[in-house]
C-alpha atoms as a PDB file:
ATOM      1  CA  MET A   1     -68.323 100.537-117.832  1.00  0.00           C
ATOM      2  CA  SER A   2     -67.288 102.797-120.645  1.00  0.00           C
ATOM      3  CA  PRO A   3     -69.162 106.012-121.549  1.00  0.00           C
ATOM      4  CA  VAL A   4     -68.955 105.137-125.027  1.00  0.00           C
ATOM      5  CA  PRO A   5     -71.989 103.291-126.615  1.00  0.00           C
ATOM      6  CA  ARG A   6     -71.249  99.691-127.413  1.00  0.00           C
ATOM      7  CA  TYR A   7     -72.083 100.087-131.142  1.00  0.00           C
ATOM      8  CA  ARG A   8     -69.466 102.726-131.346  1.00  0.00           C
ATOM      9  CA  GLN A   9     -67.098 100.440-129.483  1.00  0.00           C
ATOM     10  CA  LEU A  10     -67.737  97.545-131.898  1.00  0.00           C
ATOM     11  CA  ALA A  11     -67.446  99.818-135.090  1.00  0.00           C
ATOM     12  CA  ALA A  12     -64.185 101.089-133.652  1.00  0.00           C
ATOM     13  CA  ILE A  13     -63.133  97.312-133.302  1.00  0.00           C
ATOM     14  CA  LEU A  14     -64.148  96.622-137.057  1.00  0.00           C
ATOM     15  CA  ARG A  15     -62.786  99.944-138.227  1.00  0.00           C
ATOM     16  CA  LYS A  16     -59.256  98.817-136.888  1.00  0.00           C
ATOM     17  CA  ALA A  17     -59.604  95.412-138.539  1.00  0.00           C
ATOM     18  CA  ILE A  18     -60.451  97.027-141.865  1.00  0.00           C
ATOM     19  CA  GLU A  19     -57.631  99.667-141.518  1.00  0.00           C
ATOM     20  CA  ALA A  20     -55.204  96.825-140.484  1.00  0.00           C
ATOM     21  CA  GLY A  21     -56.115  94.881-143.585  1.00  0.00           C
ATOM     22  CA  GLU A  22     -57.986  92.087-141.885  1.00  0.00           C
ATOM     23  CA  TYR A  23     -60.917  92.857-144.086  1.00  0.00           C
ATOM     24  CA  PRO A  24     -59.381  94.112-147.507  1.00  0.00           C
ATOM     25  CA  PRO A  25     -61.394  96.352-150.015  1.00  0.00           C
ATOM     26  CA  GLY A  26     -63.993  94.071-151.605  1.00  0.00           C
ATOM     27  CA  SER A  27     -64.133  91.401-148.709  1.00  0.00           C
ATOM     28  CA  ARG A  28     -67.312  90.433-146.988  1.00  0.00           C
ATOM     29  CA  LEU A  29     -67.562  91.407-143.128  1.00  0.00           C
ATOM     30  CA  PRO A  30     -69.106  89.524-140.317  1.00  0.00           C
ATOM     31  CA  SER A  31     -73.092  89.168-140.396  1.00  0.00           C
ATOM     32  CA  GLU A  32     -74.808  90.869-137.643  1.00  0.00           C
ATOM     33  CA  LYS A  33     -75.644  87.543-136.445  1.00  0.00           C
ATOM     34  CA  THR A  34     -72.002  86.657-136.144  1.00  0.00           C
ATOM     35  CA  LEU A  35     -71.207  89.829-134.519  1.00  0.00           C
ATOM     36  CA  THR A  36     -73.754  89.197-131.853  1.00  0.00           C
ATOM     37  CA  GLN A  37     -72.309  85.782-131.041  1.00  0.00           C
ATOM     38  CA  ILE A  38     -68.620  86.757-131.037  1.00  0.00           C
ATOM     39  CA  TYR A  39     -68.866  90.201-129.116  1.00  0.00           C
ATOM     40  CA  GLY A  40     -72.101  89.357-127.020  1.00  0.00           C
ATOM     41  CA  VAL A  41     -74.035  92.284-128.387  1.00  0.00           C
ATOM     42  CA  ALA A  42     -77.573  92.818-129.251  1.00  0.00           C
ATOM     43  CA  ARG A  43     -78.633  92.470-132.978  1.00  0.00           C
ATOM     44  CA  GLU A  44     -79.661  96.108-132.989  1.00  0.00           C
ATOM     45  CA  THR A  45     -76.060  97.069-131.510  1.00  0.00           C
ATOM     46  CA  ALA A  46     -74.307  95.276-134.415  1.00  0.00           C
ATOM     47  CA  SER A  47     -76.697  96.830-136.866  1.00  0.00           C
ATOM     48  CA  LYS A  48     -75.958 100.182-135.590  1.00  0.00           C
ATOM     49  CA  ALA A  49     -72.264  99.590-135.684  1.00  0.00           C
ATOM     50  CA  MET A  50     -72.569  98.526-139.362  1.00  0.00           C
ATOM     51  CA  ASP A  51     -74.541 101.673-139.873  1.00  0.00           C
ATOM     52  CA  ALA A  52     -72.011 103.735-138.449  1.00  0.00           C
ATOM     53  CA  LEU A  53     -69.242 102.029-140.662  1.00  0.00           C
ATOM     54  CA  ALA A  54     -71.423 102.699-143.549  1.00  0.00           C
ATOM     55  CA  ALA A  55     -71.698 106.460-142.811  1.00  0.00           C
ATOM     56  CA  ASP A  56     -67.891 106.586-142.845  1.00  0.00           C
ATOM     57  CA  SER A  57     -67.703 104.641-146.229  1.00  0.00           C
ATOM     58  CA  LEU A  58     -66.124 101.639-144.716  1.00  0.00           C
ATOM     59  CA  ALA A  59     -69.043  99.199-145.296  1.00  0.00           C
ATOM     60  CA  VAL A  60     -71.763  98.776-147.657  1.00  0.00           C
ATOM     61  CA  MET A  61     -74.725  96.320-147.823  1.00  0.00           C
ATOM     62  CA  VAL A  62     -75.229  94.242-150.705  1.00  0.00           C
ATOM     63  CA  PRO A  63     -78.740  93.132-150.707  1.00  0.00           C
ATOM     64  CA  GLY A  64     -79.080  89.265-150.421  1.00  0.00           C
ATOM     65  CA  VAL A  65     -75.338  89.023-149.852  1.00  0.00           C
ATOM     66  CA  GLY A  66     -74.406  91.030-146.497  1.00  0.00           C
ATOM     67  CA  TRP A  67     -72.073  93.695-145.579  1.00  0.00           C
ATOM     68  CA  HIS A  68     -68.712  94.335-147.495  1.00  0.00           C
ATOM     69  CA  VAL A  69     -65.906  96.700-147.581  1.00  0.00           C
ATOM     70  CA  PRO A  70     -66.291  98.818-150.537  1.00  0.00           C
ATOM     71  CA  PRO A  71     -63.351  98.674-153.165  1.00  0.00           C
ATOM     72  CA  GLU A  72     -62.700 102.418-152.559  1.00  0.00           C
ATOM     73  CA  ALA A  73     -62.703 102.165-148.559  1.00  0.00           C
ATOM     74  CA  THR A  74     -60.390 104.821-147.219  1.00  0.00           C
ATOM     75  CA  GLY A  75     -61.184 105.237-143.583  1.00  0.00           C
ATOM     76  CA  ASN A  76     -61.584 108.914-143.928  1.00  0.00           C
ATOM     77  CA  PRO A  77     -64.967 110.433-144.133  1.00  0.00           C
ATOM     78  CA  ASP A  78     -63.645 113.446-145.766  1.00  0.00           C
ATOM     79  CA  ALA A  79     -61.964 111.754-148.558  1.00  0.00           C
END
C-alpha cells in the first residue's frame, strides 16, 4: 500500500497523460464517472484528483460539458 493518497496517484497518472500529449490542450478529459470505472476509485477520489489538476492549471471544468485541458496548460504551477 502506498503512503501517497489515491487521489494524488490518480492525478499523477492524468498529469503524465496530459504532458505526454494523450490529452492535448483543449481536449476533454475523462468524466469522474469514467475515472471511477477505469481506476476503481470512489467518485470523491476522482473529484479530488481533478481538483488537484485544476490547482496546477492542467484542468478546467466547463459547466454542463465536463473537464477539459485548458488551451494554455503548461504543467508548471509557477508558470
